[in-house]
Amino acid sequence: MAVRVQSQPFDLGAEANAFAAAQKGDMGAIVTFTGVVRDVAGGLQAMEIEHYPGMTERALAQIEAQAHERWALGDVLILHRYGRMQPDEMIMMVATAARHRRDAFEAAEFLMDYLKSRAPFWKKEHTSDSADWVAARDEDEDALTRW
C-alpha cells in the first residue's frame, strides 16, 4: 500500500514491474492505469497541477483505505504528479493487486473515479493565449454515483 505525490516524472515500466514483483504468490490479478496529459482542444502548451502537501496525501490514503474495505485487495499504489507537465507526459498511475480480476479492476476504477473528481488537485491549462483553471466536469461527478 503506497501513496506517492511527486513532482518528478516516473518510469511506468519500472513502477509496474516493481509493483508486480512485490506481490505474493496468491495474487492472480494486477491492474494498472496511467493518466496522460492530453491536448483535447488543441494548442495546449502545458498543464500545471497544484496541491496542498499533507492534505493531499491524507485524502489519497483515505480513499485507498476505502478501496481495501470494499474489495479484497492485496496491494494498491497511487502515484500522482504535481507541477508543470507537457502534453503526453504521465500525470498519474494507479495499480491494484487482488486474488481475482474483478476486485482488481473494480478497485482501480473506483480509485480513478475518485482521483478524477474529488482528489485535492487543481489543474491549470496553459495555451499560447491564456492560462485557465480546469473546471469540474459533471460526467466525472456522475461517475461516482455507481460506487
Protein backbone atom coordinates (compact mmCIF):
# COMPACT_ATOMS: atom_id res chain seq x y z
CA MET A 1 0.00 0.00 0.00
CA ALA A 2 1.60 3.21 -1.14
CA VAL A 3 0.54 6.75 -1.90
CA ARG A 4 3.12 8.98 -3.56
CA VAL A 5 2.71 12.59 -4.64
CA GLN A 6 5.75 13.85 -6.51
CA SER A 7 6.90 16.47 -8.98
CA GLN A 8 9.36 14.33 -10.91
CA PRO A 9 8.38 12.07 -13.82
CA PHE A 10 8.12 8.35 -13.20
CA ASP A 11 9.08 5.33 -15.25
CA LEU A 12 5.85 3.44 -15.91
CA GLY A 13 7.58 0.16 -16.71
CA ALA A 14 9.78 0.28 -13.63
CA GLU A 15 6.82 1.21 -11.39
CA ALA A 16 4.59 -1.54 -12.81
CA ASN A 17 7.37 -4.14 -12.60
CA ALA A 18 8.26 -3.20 -9.01
CA PHE A 19 4.59 -3.34 -8.01
CA ALA A 20 4.17 -6.78 -9.64
CA ALA A 21 7.39 -8.11 -8.11
CA ALA A 22 6.25 -7.10 -4.62
CA GLN A 23 3.11 -9.25 -4.78
CA LYS A 24 2.76 -12.56 -3.02
CA GLY A 25 2.05 -15.78 -4.88
CA ASP A 26 -1.69 -15.69 -4.22
CA MET A 27 -2.32 -12.51 -6.22
CA GLY A 28 -3.92 -13.58 -9.51
CA ALA A 29 -4.60 -10.13 -10.95
CA ILE A 30 -2.70 -6.88 -11.29
CA VAL A 31 -4.38 -3.90 -12.91
CA THR A 32 -2.60 -0.66 -13.79
CA PHE A 33 -3.93 2.59 -15.17
CA THR A 34 -1.88 5.59 -16.24
CA GLY A 35 -3.23 9.09 -16.86
CA VAL A 36 -1.52 11.23 -19.51
CA VAL A 37 -1.66 14.98 -20.23
CA ARG A 38 -3.80 15.28 -23.34
CA ASP A 39 -4.36 18.19 -25.66
CA VAL A 40 -8.14 17.95 -26.03
CA ALA A 41 -8.86 21.24 -27.78
CA GLY A 42 -5.51 21.70 -29.49
CA GLY A 43 -2.93 24.29 -28.55
CA LEU A 44 -2.15 23.08 -25.03
CA GLN A 45 1.40 24.03 -24.12
CA ALA A 46 1.41 22.76 -20.54
CA MET A 47 -0.73 21.52 -17.67
CA GLU A 48 0.10 22.81 -14.21
CA ILE A 49 -1.11 20.83 -11.20
CA GLU A 50 -1.13 22.25 -7.68
CA HIS A 51 -1.90 20.62 -4.34
CA TYR A 52 -1.51 21.14 -0.59
CA PRO A 53 1.20 18.82 0.78
CA GLY A 54 -0.03 16.75 3.67
CA MET A 55 -3.70 17.31 2.90
CA THR A 56 -3.40 15.60 -0.48
CA GLU A 57 -1.58 12.54 0.87
CA ARG A 58 -4.13 12.14 3.69
CA ALA A 59 -7.03 12.35 1.25
CA LEU A 60 -5.47 9.76 -1.06
CA ALA A 61 -4.68 7.46 1.87
CA GLN A 62 -8.33 7.65 2.97
CA ILE A 63 -9.65 6.66 -0.44
CA GLU A 64 -7.05 3.89 -0.64
CA ALA A 65 -8.35 2.58 2.72
CA GLN A 66 -11.92 2.70 1.38
CA ALA A 67 -10.88 0.59 -1.60
CA HIS A 68 -9.44 -2.00 0.79
CA GLU A 69 -12.72 -2.07 2.74
CA ARG A 70 -14.79 -2.61 -0.42
CA TRP A 71 -12.65 -5.12 -2.31
CA ALA A 72 -10.35 -8.00 -1.39
CA LEU A 73 -7.09 -6.33 -2.36
CA GLY A 74 -3.57 -7.45 -1.69
CA ASP A 75 -1.92 -4.15 -2.57
CA VAL A 76 -2.53 -0.67 -4.01
CA LEU A 77 -0.28 2.02 -5.46
CA ILE A 78 -1.46 5.57 -6.09
CA LEU A 79 1.16 7.79 -7.71
CA HIS A 80 0.23 11.35 -8.71
CA ARG A 81 2.43 14.16 -10.01
CA TYR A 82 2.21 17.89 -9.48
CA GLY A 83 3.94 20.81 -11.15
CA ARG A 84 4.18 21.75 -14.81
CA MET A 85 3.80 18.98 -17.41
CA GLN A 86 3.80 18.90 -21.18
CA PRO A 87 1.26 17.11 -23.40
CA ASP A 88 1.88 13.34 -23.49
CA GLU A 89 3.61 13.30 -20.08
CA MET A 90 2.27 10.88 -17.48
CA ILE A 91 0.31 12.55 -14.69
CA MET A 92 -0.59 9.60 -12.51
CA MET A 93 -0.71 5.86 -12.05
CA VAL A 94 -2.96 3.52 -10.10
CA ALA A 95 -2.11 -0.13 -9.58
CA THR A 96 -4.18 -2.73 -7.75
CA ALA A 97 -3.44 -6.36 -6.93
CA ALA A 98 -6.02 -8.92 -5.90
CA ARG A 99 -6.58 -12.65 -5.93
CA HIS A 100 -9.30 -12.18 -8.56
CA ARG A 101 -9.52 -9.81 -11.53
CA ARG A 102 -12.93 -8.37 -10.67
CA ASP A 103 -11.66 -6.94 -7.37
CA ALA A 104 -8.55 -5.54 -9.04
CA PHE A 105 -10.46 -3.93 -11.93
CA GLU A 106 -13.31 -2.51 -9.84
CA ALA A 107 -10.97 -1.10 -7.19
CA ALA A 108 -8.83 0.55 -9.88
CA GLU A 109 -11.93 2.12 -11.46
CA PHE A 110 -13.15 3.32 -8.06
CA LEU A 111 -9.77 4.92 -7.33
CA MET A 112 -9.67 6.55 -10.77
CA ASP A 113 -13.17 7.98 -10.41
CA TYR A 114 -12.20 9.45 -7.04
CA LEU A 115 -8.92 10.87 -8.33
CA LYS A 116 -10.67 12.50 -11.29
CA SER A 117 -13.44 14.14 -9.28
CA ARG A 118 -12.54 14.54 -5.61
CA ALA A 119 -8.81 14.38 -5.05
CA PRO A 120 -7.45 17.76 -3.91
CA PHE A 121 -5.50 18.68 -7.03
CA TRP A 122 -6.04 21.86 -9.04
CA LYS A 123 -5.23 21.93 -12.75
CA LYS A 124 -4.44 24.92 -14.93
CA GLU A 125 -4.14 24.64 -18.70
CA HIS A 126 -1.61 26.90 -20.39
CA THR A 127 -2.06 27.77 -24.05
CA SER A 128 -0.43 30.47 -26.15
CA ASP A 129 -3.46 32.69 -25.45
CA SER A 130 -4.26 32.08 -21.79
CA ALA A 131 -3.85 30.13 -18.58
CA ASP A 132 -7.18 28.82 -17.25
CA TRP A 133 -8.14 26.67 -14.30
CA VAL A 134 -9.87 23.44 -15.31
CA ALA A 135 -13.46 23.33 -14.03
CA ALA A 136 -15.03 20.18 -12.56
CA ARG A 137 -16.99 18.20 -15.12
CA ASP A 138 -20.46 16.80 -14.48
CA GLU A 139 -19.59 13.44 -16.05
CA ASP A 140 -16.71 12.98 -13.58
CA GLU A 141 -19.04 13.63 -10.65
CA ASP A 142 -21.69 11.35 -12.17
CA ALA A 143 -19.15 8.53 -12.35
CA LEU A 144 -19.05 8.46 -8.54
CA THR A 145 -22.73 7.55 -8.29
CA ARG A 146 -22.02 3.92 -9.20
CA TRP A 147 -19.93 3.50 -6.08
